[in-house]
Amino acid sequence: MAETDRTATERPSQLADENALLRASLAQMRERVDELEQAADLDTLTPLPNRRGFLRELERAVGQAERHGTPAALLHIELSNLAAINGGHGQVAGDAALIHMAKLLGGLIRSTDALARIDGDAFGLILDHLDHNSAIETADRLFRCIAGSPLDLGSATVALHATIGIATILPGDTVDDVVRRAEHTLRAAREEA
């Protein structure tokens, strides 16, 4: 009978210990999942979100425009001479140009805006609480700053050339609508250049 009493008192203690271990293991797994989810949203070259993370932010901006009627805009910014930089100076120089562009753009925007690298040579910028005319002014300011901020490679200085497409985010828009309009205006700007 003493053996049964001892087993009965040890069993809840063992279960409590195992339960504590399981909770600790679960907490570690959740932490790791959070780390992986964050990594899945980050560009591997620049310190910016990638397309996946950007689309999540764009969905938020589209939802905000729908719910509150607040104006916003999407700028699709392309480093239009990236292929020439890669061809003339090598892939490392091209990567340096993208990093330079990311830092440059990041330093020119408001803390409420969302910037990401959305493609090989392209960046997306969501401008919250900005109407179409203000978005055009912002795009013009960014264009001039990019043109006036060449990349110093040590052995050469490389000018950066940008092409920018603009789409206003309006109530009733979908993410696809906004992206399509920004890409359309980017193509039109590319043809004008």
N, C-alpha and C. Protein backbone atom coordinates (compact mmCIF):
# COMPACT_ATOMS: atom_id res chain seq x y z
N MET A 1 0.82 -1.19 0.00
CA MET A 1 0.00 0.00 0.00
C MET A 1 0.87 1.25 0.00
N ALA A 2 2.00 1.24 0.69
CA ALA A 2 2.89 2.39 0.74
C ALA A 2 3.45 2.69 -0.65
N GLU A 3 3.72 1.62 -1.40
CA GLU A 3 4.22 1.79 -2.77
C GLU A 3 3.18 2.50 -3.63
N THR A 4 1.93 2.16 -3.52
CA THR A 4 0.85 2.77 -4.28
C THR A 4 0.70 4.24 -3.90
N ASP A 5 0.80 4.55 -2.62
CA ASP A 5 0.70 5.95 -2.17
C ASP A 5 1.85 6.78 -2.74
N ARG A 6 3.05 6.21 -2.73
CA ARG A 6 4.20 6.94 -3.25
C ARG A 6 4.05 7.17 -4.76
N THR A 7 3.60 6.19 -5.51
CA THR A 7 3.38 6.32 -6.95
C THR A 7 2.31 7.35 -7.23
N ALA A 8 1.27 7.36 -6.44
CA ALA A 8 0.17 8.31 -6.63
C ALA A 8 0.64 9.74 -6.39
N THR A 9 1.55 9.95 -5.46
CA THR A 9 2.04 11.31 -5.21
C THR A 9 3.13 11.71 -6.20
N GLU A 10 3.90 10.74 -6.71
CA GLU A 10 4.94 11.05 -7.69
C GLU A 10 4.34 11.36 -9.06
N ARG A 11 3.27 10.71 -9.41
CA ARG A 11 2.67 10.84 -10.74
C ARG A 11 2.27 12.29 -11.05
N PRO A 12 1.55 13.01 -10.19
CA PRO A 12 1.23 14.41 -10.49
C PRO A 12 2.49 15.27 -10.62
N SER A 13 3.50 14.97 -9.84
CA SER A 13 4.75 15.73 -9.91
C SER A 13 5.43 15.50 -11.26
N GLN A 14 5.44 14.25 -11.72
CA GLN A 14 6.02 13.93 -13.02
C GLN A 14 5.23 14.62 -14.14
N LEU A 15 3.92 14.57 -14.03
CA LEU A 15 3.07 15.22 -15.05
C LEU A 15 3.32 16.73 -15.08
N ALA A 16 3.48 17.32 -13.92
CA ALA A 16 3.75 18.76 -13.85
C ALA A 16 5.10 19.08 -14.50
N ASP A 17 6.11 18.24 -14.25
CA ASP A 17 7.42 18.44 -14.86
C ASP A 17 7.35 18.29 -16.38
N GLU A 18 6.67 17.24 -16.84
CA GLU A 18 6.53 17.02 -18.28
C GLU A 18 5.74 18.16 -18.93
N ASN A 19 4.71 18.62 -18.23
CA ASN A 19 3.90 19.73 -18.74
C ASN A 19 4.75 21.00 -18.87
N ALA A 20 5.60 21.26 -17.89
CA ALA A 20 6.49 22.43 -17.93
C ALA A 20 7.46 22.31 -19.10
N LEU A 21 8.00 21.11 -19.32
CA LEU A 21 8.91 20.89 -20.46
C LEU A 21 8.19 21.11 -21.80
N LEU A 22 6.97 20.61 -21.89
CA LEU A 22 6.20 20.79 -23.12
C LEU A 22 5.89 22.27 -23.37
N ARG A 23 5.55 23.00 -22.31
CA ARG A 23 5.28 24.43 -22.46
C ARG A 23 6.53 25.18 -22.92
N ALA A 24 7.67 24.84 -22.34
CA ALA A 24 8.92 25.49 -22.74
C ALA A 24 9.25 25.17 -24.19
N SER A 25 9.05 23.92 -24.58
CA SER A 25 9.31 23.51 -25.96
C SER A 25 8.36 24.24 -26.92
N LEU A 26 7.10 24.34 -26.54
CA LEU A 26 6.12 25.04 -27.37
C LEU A 26 6.48 26.52 -27.51
N ALA A 27 6.91 27.14 -26.43
CA ALA A 27 7.32 28.55 -26.48
C ALA A 27 8.50 28.73 -27.43
N GLN A 28 9.47 27.81 -27.39
CA GLN A 28 10.62 27.88 -28.29
C GLN A 28 10.18 27.72 -29.75
N MET A 29 9.26 26.79 -29.98
CA MET A 29 8.76 26.58 -31.35
C MET A 29 8.03 27.81 -31.86
N ARG A 30 7.20 28.41 -31.01
CA ARG A 30 6.48 29.63 -31.42
C ARG A 30 7.46 30.76 -31.74
N GLU A 31 8.49 30.89 -30.93
CA GLU A 31 9.51 31.91 -31.16
C GLU A 31 10.21 31.66 -32.50
N ARG A 32 10.51 30.42 -32.79
CA ARG A 32 11.18 30.07 -34.05
C ARG A 32 10.26 30.33 -35.24
N VAL A 33 8.98 30.01 -35.11
CA VAL A 33 8.01 30.28 -36.18
C VAL A 33 7.94 31.78 -36.43
N ASP A 34 7.90 32.59 -35.37
CA ASP A 34 7.89 34.05 -35.53
C ASP A 34 9.13 34.53 -36.27
N GLU A 35 10.30 33.99 -35.91
CA GLU A 35 11.55 34.36 -36.58
C GLU A 35 11.50 34.01 -38.06
N LEU A 36 10.98 32.81 -38.37
CA LEU A 36 10.90 32.38 -39.77
C LEU A 36 9.91 33.23 -40.56
N GLU A 37 8.78 33.59 -39.92
CA GLU A 37 7.81 34.44 -40.60
C GLU A 37 8.39 35.81 -40.90
N GLN A 38 9.15 36.36 -39.95
CA GLN A 38 9.79 37.65 -40.19
C GLN A 38 10.83 37.53 -41.30
N ALA A 39 11.61 36.47 -41.29
CA ALA A 39 12.63 36.26 -42.32
C ALA A 39 11.98 36.09 -43.70
N ALA A 40 10.81 35.47 -43.74
CA ALA A 40 10.12 35.25 -45.01
C ALA A 40 9.64 36.56 -45.62
N ASP A 41 9.53 37.62 -44.82
CA ASP A 41 9.07 38.91 -45.30
C ASP A 41 10.21 39.88 -45.61
N LEU A 42 11.47 39.45 -45.45
CA LEU A 42 12.60 40.35 -45.64
C LEU A 42 13.38 40.02 -46.91
N ASP A 43 13.83 41.06 -47.59
CA ASP A 43 14.69 40.93 -48.75
C ASP A 43 16.06 40.44 -48.27
N THR A 44 16.68 39.57 -49.02
CA THR A 44 17.97 39.01 -48.60
C THR A 44 19.15 39.94 -48.84
N LEU A 45 18.99 40.96 -49.67
CA LEU A 45 20.10 41.87 -49.98
C LEU A 45 20.00 43.19 -49.21
N THR A 46 18.85 43.79 -49.25
CA THR A 46 18.66 45.10 -48.61
C THR A 46 18.03 44.90 -47.23
N PRO A 47 18.07 45.92 -46.40
CA PRO A 47 17.43 45.78 -45.08
C PRO A 47 15.93 46.09 -45.13
N LEU A 48 15.29 45.77 -46.24
CA LEU A 48 13.89 46.13 -46.46
C LEU A 48 13.00 44.89 -46.51
N PRO A 49 11.69 45.09 -46.33
CA PRO A 49 10.77 43.99 -46.59
C PRO A 49 10.84 43.58 -48.07
N ASN A 50 10.44 42.34 -48.34
CA ASN A 50 10.38 41.86 -49.72
C ASN A 50 8.96 42.03 -50.26
N ARG A 51 8.69 41.48 -51.42
CA ARG A 51 7.37 41.61 -52.04
C ARG A 51 6.27 41.06 -51.15
N ARG A 52 6.52 39.94 -50.51
CA ARG A 52 5.50 39.33 -49.63
C ARG A 52 5.12 40.28 -48.50
N GLY A 53 6.12 40.83 -47.84
CA GLY A 53 5.86 41.78 -46.76
C GLY A 53 5.20 43.05 -47.27
N PHE A 54 5.63 43.48 -48.46
CA PHE A 54 5.07 44.69 -49.05
C PHE A 54 3.59 44.52 -49.39
N LEU A 55 3.23 43.38 -49.95
CA LEU A 55 1.83 43.16 -50.30
C LEU A 55 0.95 43.16 -49.06
N ARG A 56 1.47 42.70 -47.95
CA ARG A 56 0.73 42.74 -46.69
C ARG A 56 0.47 44.21 -46.30
N GLU A 57 1.49 45.06 -46.44
CA GLU A 57 1.33 46.49 -46.13
C GLU A 57 0.37 47.17 -47.12
N LEU A 58 0.45 46.77 -48.37
CA LEU A 58 -0.44 47.35 -49.38
C LEU A 58 -1.88 46.96 -49.10
N GLU A 59 -2.09 45.73 -48.67
CA GLU A 59 -3.43 45.27 -48.29
C GLU A 59 -3.97 46.14 -47.15
N ARG A 60 -3.11 46.46 -46.20
CA ARG A 60 -3.50 47.32 -45.08
C ARG A 60 -3.90 48.71 -45.58
N ALA A 61 -3.09 49.28 -46.48
CA ALA A 61 -3.37 50.62 -47.01
C ALA A 61 -4.66 50.64 -47.83
N VAL A 62 -4.89 49.59 -48.61
CA VAL A 62 -6.12 49.50 -49.40
C VAL A 62 -7.32 49.39 -48.46
N GLY A 63 -7.19 48.59 -47.41
CA GLY A 63 -8.27 48.46 -46.42
C GLY A 63 -8.55 49.77 -45.71
N GLN A 64 -7.51 50.50 -45.39
CA GLN A 64 -7.66 51.79 -44.71
C GLN A 64 -8.36 52.79 -45.63
N ALA A 65 -8.00 52.79 -46.90
CA ALA A 65 -8.66 53.68 -47.86
C ALA A 65 -10.14 53.34 -47.97
N GLU A 66 -10.44 52.06 -47.94
CA GLU A 66 -11.83 51.61 -48.05
C GLU A 66 -12.63 51.99 -46.79
N ARG A 67 -12.06 51.73 -45.62
CA ARG A 67 -12.78 51.98 -44.36
C ARG A 67 -12.90 53.46 -44.02
N HIS A 68 -11.82 54.20 -44.21
CA HIS A 68 -11.78 55.58 -43.72
C HIS A 68 -11.75 56.63 -44.83
N GLY A 69 -11.59 56.19 -46.06
CA GLY A 69 -11.53 57.12 -47.17
C GLY A 69 -10.25 57.96 -47.19
N THR A 70 -9.23 57.48 -46.49
CA THR A 70 -7.97 58.23 -46.44
C THR A 70 -7.18 58.01 -47.72
N PRO A 71 -6.70 59.09 -48.32
CA PRO A 71 -5.93 58.94 -49.55
C PRO A 71 -4.56 58.33 -49.27
N ALA A 72 -4.07 57.61 -50.23
CA ALA A 72 -2.73 57.04 -50.17
C ALA A 72 -2.28 56.81 -51.61
N ALA A 73 -1.01 56.50 -51.76
CA ALA A 73 -0.48 56.27 -53.11
C ALA A 73 0.58 55.18 -53.06
N LEU A 74 0.74 54.52 -54.20
CA LEU A 74 1.79 53.53 -54.39
C LEU A 74 2.74 54.07 -55.45
N LEU A 75 4.02 54.11 -55.11
CA LEU A 75 5.05 54.44 -56.09
C LEU A 75 5.81 53.16 -56.42
N HIS A 76 5.92 52.85 -57.69
CA HIS A 76 6.70 51.71 -58.18
C HIS A 76 7.98 52.32 -58.74
N ILE A 77 9.08 52.13 -58.03
CA ILE A 77 10.35 52.80 -58.36
C ILE A 77 11.33 51.76 -58.90
N GLU A 78 11.75 51.97 -60.13
CA GLU A 78 12.64 51.02 -60.79
C GLU A 78 14.03 51.64 -60.95
N LEU A 79 15.05 50.90 -60.57
CA LEU A 79 16.43 51.31 -60.84
C LEU A 79 16.69 50.92 -62.29
N SER A 80 16.42 51.86 -63.20
CA SER A 80 16.35 51.53 -64.62
C SER A 80 17.69 51.23 -65.26
N ASN A 81 18.79 51.59 -64.63
CA ASN A 81 20.09 51.27 -65.23
C ASN A 81 20.83 50.16 -64.48
N LEU A 82 20.09 49.31 -63.77
CA LEU A 82 20.74 48.22 -63.04
C LEU A 82 21.45 47.25 -63.99
N ALA A 83 20.83 46.91 -65.11
CA ALA A 83 21.47 45.98 -66.05
C ALA A 83 22.78 46.57 -66.58
N ALA A 84 22.80 47.87 -66.85
CA ALA A 84 24.02 48.52 -67.33
C ALA A 84 25.09 48.53 -66.24
N ILE A 85 24.68 48.73 -64.99
CA ILE A 85 25.65 48.71 -63.88
C ILE A 85 26.23 47.31 -63.74
N ASN A 86 25.36 46.29 -63.77
CA ASN A 86 25.83 44.90 -63.69
C ASN A 86 26.77 44.57 -64.85
N GLY A 87 26.40 44.99 -66.05
CA GLY A 87 27.21 44.69 -67.23
C GLY A 87 28.54 45.42 -67.25
N GLY A 88 28.54 46.67 -66.82
CA GLY A 88 29.76 47.46 -66.88
C GLY A 88 30.67 47.34 -65.67
N HIS A 89 30.10 47.00 -64.53
CA HIS A 89 30.90 47.00 -63.29
C HIS A 89 30.80 45.70 -62.50
N GLY A 90 29.92 44.80 -62.92
CA GLY A 90 29.79 43.52 -62.25
C GLY A 90 28.62 43.45 -61.28
N GLN A 91 28.29 42.22 -60.92
CA GLN A 91 27.16 41.93 -60.04
C GLN A 91 27.31 42.57 -58.66
N VAL A 92 28.52 42.60 -58.14
CA VAL A 92 28.76 43.20 -56.82
C VAL A 92 28.40 44.69 -56.86
N ALA A 93 28.75 45.36 -57.94
CA ALA A 93 28.40 46.78 -58.09
C ALA A 93 26.89 46.95 -58.20
N GLY A 94 26.23 46.03 -58.91
CA GLY A 94 24.77 46.07 -59.01
C GLY A 94 24.12 45.91 -57.65
N ASP A 95 24.64 44.96 -56.86
CA ASP A 95 24.13 44.78 -55.50
C ASP A 95 24.36 46.04 -54.66
N ALA A 96 25.53 46.63 -54.81
CA ALA A 96 25.84 47.87 -54.07
C ALA A 96 24.89 48.99 -54.48
N ALA A 97 24.52 49.03 -55.76
CA ALA A 97 23.58 50.05 -56.24
C ALA A 97 22.20 49.86 -55.61
N LEU A 98 21.76 48.60 -55.49
CA LEU A 98 20.47 48.33 -54.87
C LEU A 98 20.48 48.69 -53.38
N ILE A 99 21.56 48.37 -52.70
CA ILE A 99 21.69 48.71 -51.28
C ILE A 99 21.72 50.23 -51.12
N HIS A 100 22.47 50.90 -51.99
CA HIS A 100 22.55 52.38 -51.96
C HIS A 100 21.16 52.98 -52.18
N MET A 101 20.44 52.45 -53.15
CA MET A 101 19.10 52.95 -53.45
C MET A 101 18.16 52.74 -52.27
N ALA A 102 18.24 51.56 -51.63
CA ALA A 102 17.39 51.27 -50.48
C ALA A 102 17.66 52.26 -49.34
N LYS A 103 18.94 52.52 -49.06
CA LYS A 103 19.29 53.46 -48.00
C LYS A 103 18.86 54.88 -48.36
N LEU A 104 19.07 55.24 -49.60
CA LEU A 104 18.70 56.57 -50.07
C LEU A 104 17.19 56.80 -49.92
N LEU A 105 16.41 55.87 -50.45
CA LEU A 105 14.95 56.00 -50.36
C LEU A 105 14.49 55.98 -48.91
N GLY A 106 15.06 55.09 -48.12
CA GLY A 106 14.68 55.00 -46.71
C GLY A 106 14.92 56.29 -45.95
N GLY A 107 15.94 57.03 -46.35
CA GLY A 107 16.24 58.29 -45.69
C GLY A 107 15.39 59.46 -46.17
N LEU A 108 14.64 59.25 -47.23
CA LEU A 108 13.85 60.34 -47.82
C LEU A 108 12.36 60.26 -47.51
N ILE A 109 11.93 59.20 -46.86
CA ILE A 109 10.50 59.01 -46.65
C ILE A 109 10.12 59.23 -45.19
N ARG A 110 8.82 59.34 -44.97
CA ARG A 110 8.29 59.52 -43.61
C ARG A 110 8.22 58.17 -42.90
N SER A 111 8.17 58.23 -41.59
CA SER A 111 8.10 56.99 -40.81
C SER A 111 6.78 56.26 -41.03
N THR A 112 5.76 56.95 -41.51
CA THR A 112 4.46 56.32 -41.76
C THR A 112 4.39 55.65 -43.12
N ASP A 113 5.38 55.88 -43.97
CA ASP A 113 5.40 55.26 -45.30
C ASP A 113 6.00 53.86 -45.21
N ALA A 114 5.72 53.04 -46.21
CA ALA A 114 6.24 51.67 -46.23
C ALA A 114 7.04 51.45 -47.51
N LEU A 115 8.31 51.09 -47.35
CA LEU A 115 9.22 50.87 -48.47
C LEU A 115 9.64 49.41 -48.49
N ALA A 116 9.73 48.83 -49.69
CA ALA A 116 10.17 47.43 -49.83
C ALA A 116 10.85 47.25 -51.18
N ARG A 117 11.68 46.22 -51.25
CA ARG A 117 12.23 45.80 -52.54
C ARG A 117 11.30 44.72 -53.05
N ILE A 118 10.62 45.01 -54.15
CA ILE A 118 9.56 44.12 -54.62
C ILE A 118 9.96 43.26 -55.80
N ASP A 119 11.11 43.54 -56.39
CA ASP A 119 11.58 42.77 -57.53
C ASP A 119 13.07 43.03 -57.66
N GLY A 120 13.72 42.39 -58.61
CA GLY A 120 15.16 42.53 -58.77
C GLY A 120 15.65 43.95 -58.81
N ASP A 121 15.01 44.79 -59.62
CA ASP A 121 15.46 46.18 -59.77
C ASP A 121 14.40 47.18 -59.32
N ALA A 122 13.40 46.72 -58.58
CA ALA A 122 12.25 47.57 -58.26
C ALA A 122 11.96 47.66 -56.77
N PHE A 123 11.51 48.84 -56.39
CA PHE A 123 11.10 49.12 -55.02
C PHE A 123 9.66 49.58 -55.05
N GLY A 124 8.93 49.26 -54.00
CA GLY A 124 7.57 49.75 -53.84
C GLY A 124 7.54 50.68 -52.64
N LEU A 125 6.78 51.75 -52.75
CA LEU A 125 6.67 52.71 -51.67
C LEU A 125 5.20 53.08 -51.49
N ILE A 126 4.67 52.83 -50.31
CA ILE A 126 3.30 53.22 -49.98
C ILE A 126 3.37 54.53 -49.21
N LEU A 127 2.71 55.53 -49.74
CA LEU A 127 2.66 56.85 -49.12
C LEU A 127 1.30 57.02 -48.47
N ASP A 128 1.25 56.89 -47.16
CA ASP A 128 -0.01 57.03 -46.43
C ASP A 128 -0.44 58.48 -46.36
N HIS A 129 -1.76 58.68 -46.38
CA HIS A 129 -2.36 60.01 -46.20
C HIS A 129 -1.79 61.03 -47.19
N LEU A 130 -1.73 60.64 -48.45
CA LEU A 130 -1.19 61.51 -49.48
C LEU A 130 -2.08 61.45 -50.71
N ASP A 131 -2.52 62.59 -51.21
CA ASP A 131 -3.35 62.61 -52.42
C ASP A 131 -2.46 62.49 -53.66
N HIS A 132 -3.10 62.41 -54.82
CA HIS A 132 -2.38 62.16 -56.07
C HIS A 132 -1.36 63.26 -56.38
N ASN A 133 -1.75 64.52 -56.22
CA ASN A 133 -0.82 65.62 -56.53
C ASN A 133 0.39 65.59 -55.60
N SER A 134 0.17 65.31 -54.33
CA SER A 134 1.29 65.21 -53.39
C SER A 134 2.17 64.02 -53.72
N ALA A 135 1.56 62.94 -54.20
CA ALA A 135 2.34 61.76 -54.60
C ALA A 135 3.23 62.09 -55.80
N ILE A 136 2.71 62.88 -56.74
CA ILE A 136 3.51 63.30 -57.89
C ILE A 136 4.69 64.15 -57.43
N GLU A 137 4.43 65.07 -56.51
CA GLU A 137 5.51 65.91 -55.97
C GLU A 137 6.56 65.06 -55.26
N THR A 138 6.11 64.08 -54.50
CA THR A 138 7.04 63.19 -53.79
C THR A 138 7.86 62.39 -54.79
N ALA A 139 7.21 61.85 -55.82
CA ALA A 139 7.93 61.08 -56.84
C ALA A 139 8.97 61.95 -57.53
N ASP A 140 8.63 63.19 -57.82
CA ASP A 140 9.57 64.10 -58.46
C ASP A 140 10.77 64.38 -57.54
N ARG A 141 10.50 64.59 -56.26
CA ARG A 141 11.58 64.82 -55.29
C ARG A 141 12.48 63.60 -55.19
N LEU A 142 11.89 62.40 -55.13
CA LEU A 142 12.69 61.17 -55.07
C LEU A 142 13.53 61.00 -56.33
N PHE A 143 12.92 61.25 -57.48
CA PHE A 143 13.63 61.14 -58.76
C PHE A 143 14.87 62.03 -58.77
N ARG A 144 14.70 63.29 -58.35
CA ARG A 144 15.82 64.23 -58.33
C ARG A 144 16.90 63.80 -57.33
N CYS A 145 16.48 63.32 -56.17
CA CYS A 145 17.45 62.88 -55.16
C CYS A 145 18.24 61.66 -55.63
N ILE A 146 17.55 60.74 -56.29
CA ILE A 146 18.24 59.55 -56.82
C ILE A 146 19.25 59.97 -57.89
N ALA A 147 18.82 60.84 -58.80
CA ALA A 147 19.72 61.31 -59.87
C ALA A 147 20.90 62.08 -59.30
N GLY A 148 20.71 62.74 -58.18
CA GLY A 148 21.78 63.53 -57.59
C GLY A 148 22.61 62.81 -56.56
N SER A 149 22.42 61.50 -56.44
CA SER A 149 23.16 60.70 -55.44
C SER A 149 23.85 59.51 -56.10
N PRO A 150 24.92 59.76 -56.86
CA PRO A 150 25.60 58.65 -57.53
C PRO A 150 26.24 57.70 -56.53
N LEU A 151 26.49 56.50 -57.00
CA LEU A 151 27.13 55.46 -56.19
C LEU A 151 28.63 55.52 -56.39
N ASP A 152 29.37 55.64 -55.30
CA ASP A 152 30.84 55.65 -55.37
C ASP A 152 31.34 54.22 -55.20
N LEU A 153 31.92 53.69 -56.26
CA LEU A 153 32.45 52.32 -56.23
C LEU A 153 33.93 52.29 -55.88
N GLY A 154 34.50 53.43 -55.58
CA GLY A 154 35.94 53.49 -55.32
C GLY A 154 36.69 53.78 -56.60
N SER A 155 36.61 52.86 -57.54
CA SER A 155 37.31 53.03 -58.82
C SER A 155 36.48 53.82 -59.83
N ALA A 156 35.20 53.98 -59.55
CA ALA A 156 34.31 54.70 -60.46
C ALA A 156 33.11 55.24 -59.68
N THR A 157 32.51 56.26 -60.24
CA THR A 157 31.26 56.79 -59.70
C THR A 157 30.18 56.49 -60.71
N VAL A 158 29.10 55.89 -60.25
CA VAL A 158 28.03 55.44 -61.14
C VAL A 158 26.76 56.22 -60.84
N ALA A 159 26.21 56.86 -61.87
CA ALA A 159 24.93 57.56 -61.72
C ALA A 159 23.81 56.53 -61.63
N LEU A 160 22.80 56.85 -60.84
CA LEU A 160 21.62 56.00 -60.74
C LEU A 160 20.48 56.66 -61.49
N HIS A 161 19.75 55.87 -62.24
CA HIS A 161 18.61 56.37 -63.00
C HIS A 161 17.36 55.62 -62.54
N ALA A 162 16.33 56.38 -62.21
CA ALA A 162 15.09 55.77 -61.74
C ALA A 162 13.95 56.08 -62.69
N THR A 163 13.02 55.15 -62.75
CA THR A 163 11.75 55.35 -63.43
C THR A 163 10.68 55.08 -62.38
N ILE A 164 9.68 55.95 -62.32
CA ILE A 164 8.69 55.84 -61.24
C ILE A 164 7.28 55.82 -61.81
N GLY A 165 6.51 54.83 -61.36
CA GLY A 165 5.09 54.75 -61.68
C GLY A 165 4.29 55.10 -60.43
N ILE A 166 3.15 55.76 -60.61
CA ILE A 166 2.34 56.22 -59.49
C ILE A 166 0.92 55.71 -59.63
N ALA A 167 0.36 55.23 -58.53
CA ALA A 167 -1.06 54.87 -58.48
C ALA A 167 -1.65 55.38 -57.18
N THR A 168 -2.74 56.11 -57.28
CA THR A 168 -3.45 56.56 -56.09
C THR A 168 -4.30 55.40 -55.58
N ILE A 169 -4.34 55.23 -54.28
CA ILE A 169 -5.15 54.18 -53.65
C ILE A 169 -6.47 54.81 -53.25
N LEU A 170 -7.54 54.30 -53.84
CA LEU A 170 -8.87 54.88 -53.65
C LEU A 170 -9.82 53.88 -53.01
N PRO A 171 -10.87 54.36 -52.34
CA PRO A 171 -11.89 53.44 -51.83
C PRO A 171 -12.45 52.61 -52.99
N GLY A 172 -12.63 51.33 -52.75
CA GLY A 172 -13.13 50.42 -53.78
C GLY A 172 -12.03 49.69 -54.53
N ASP A 173 -10.79 50.13 -54.37
CA ASP A 173 -9.66 49.48 -55.03
C ASP A 173 -9.35 48.13 -54.39
N THR A 174 -8.78 47.25 -55.18
CA THR A 174 -8.17 46.03 -54.66
C THR A 174 -6.66 46.20 -54.78
N VAL A 175 -5.93 45.34 -54.13
CA VAL A 175 -4.47 45.37 -54.24
C VAL A 175 -4.07 45.21 -55.71
N ASP A 176 -4.71 44.29 -56.41
CA ASP A 176 -4.40 44.06 -57.82
C ASP A 176 -4.65 45.32 -58.66
N ASP A 177 -5.75 46.03 -58.38
CA ASP A 177 -6.04 47.27 -59.11
C ASP A 177 -4.90 48.27 -58.95
N VAL A 178 -4.46 48.45 -57.72
CA VAL A 178 -3.43 49.45 -57.43
C VAL A 178 -2.11 49.06 -58.08
N VAL A 179 -1.73 47.79 -57.94
CA VAL A 179 -0.47 47.31 -58.53
C VAL A 179 -0.52 47.46 -60.05
N ARG A 180 -1.63 47.10 -60.66
CA ARG A 180 -1.78 47.19 -62.11
C ARG A 180 -1.63 48.64 -62.58
N ARG A 181 -2.26 49.58 -61.87
CA ARG A 181 -2.15 51.00 -62.26
C ARG A 181 -0.72 51.51 -62.10
N ALA A 182 -0.07 51.12 -61.02
CA ALA A 182 1.32 51.56 -60.80
C ALA A 182 2.24 51.00 -61.89
N GLU A 183 2.04 49.74 -62.26
CA GLU A 183 2.85 49.14 -63.32
C GLU A 183 2.57 49.80 -64.67
N HIS A 184 1.31 50.15 -64.91
CA HIS A 184 0.94 50.82 -66.16
C HIS A 184 1.63 52.18 -66.26
N THR A 185 1.59 52.97 -65.19
CA THR A 185 2.24 54.29 -65.23
C THR A 185 3.76 54.15 -65.27
N LEU A 186 4.30 53.07 -64.70
CA LEU A 186 5.74 52.82 -64.79
C LEU A 186 6.13 52.55 -66.24
N ARG A 187 5.35 51.71 -66.93
CA ARG A 187 5.64 51.44 -68.35
C ARG A 187 5.55 52.72 -69.18
N ALA A 188 4.55 53.54 -68.90
CA ALA A 188 4.40 54.80 -69.64
C ALA A 188 5.59 55.72 -69.38
N ALA A 189 6.05 55.79 -68.13
CA ALA A 189 7.22 56.62 -67.80
C ALA A 189 8.47 56.08 -68.46
N ARG A 190 8.58 54.75 -68.53
CA ARG A 190 9.74 54.11 -69.18
C ARG A 190 9.78 54.46 -70.66
N GLU A 191 8.61 54.46 -71.30
CA GLU A 191 8.54 54.78 -72.73
C GLU A 191 8.87 56.24 -73.01
N GLU A 192 8.53 57.13 -72.06
CA GLU A 192 8.83 58.55 -72.22
C GLU A 192 10.32 58.84 -72.06
N ALA A 193 11.00 58.02 -71.27
CA ALA A 193 12.42 58.29 -70.96
C ALA A 193 13.34 58.04 -72.13
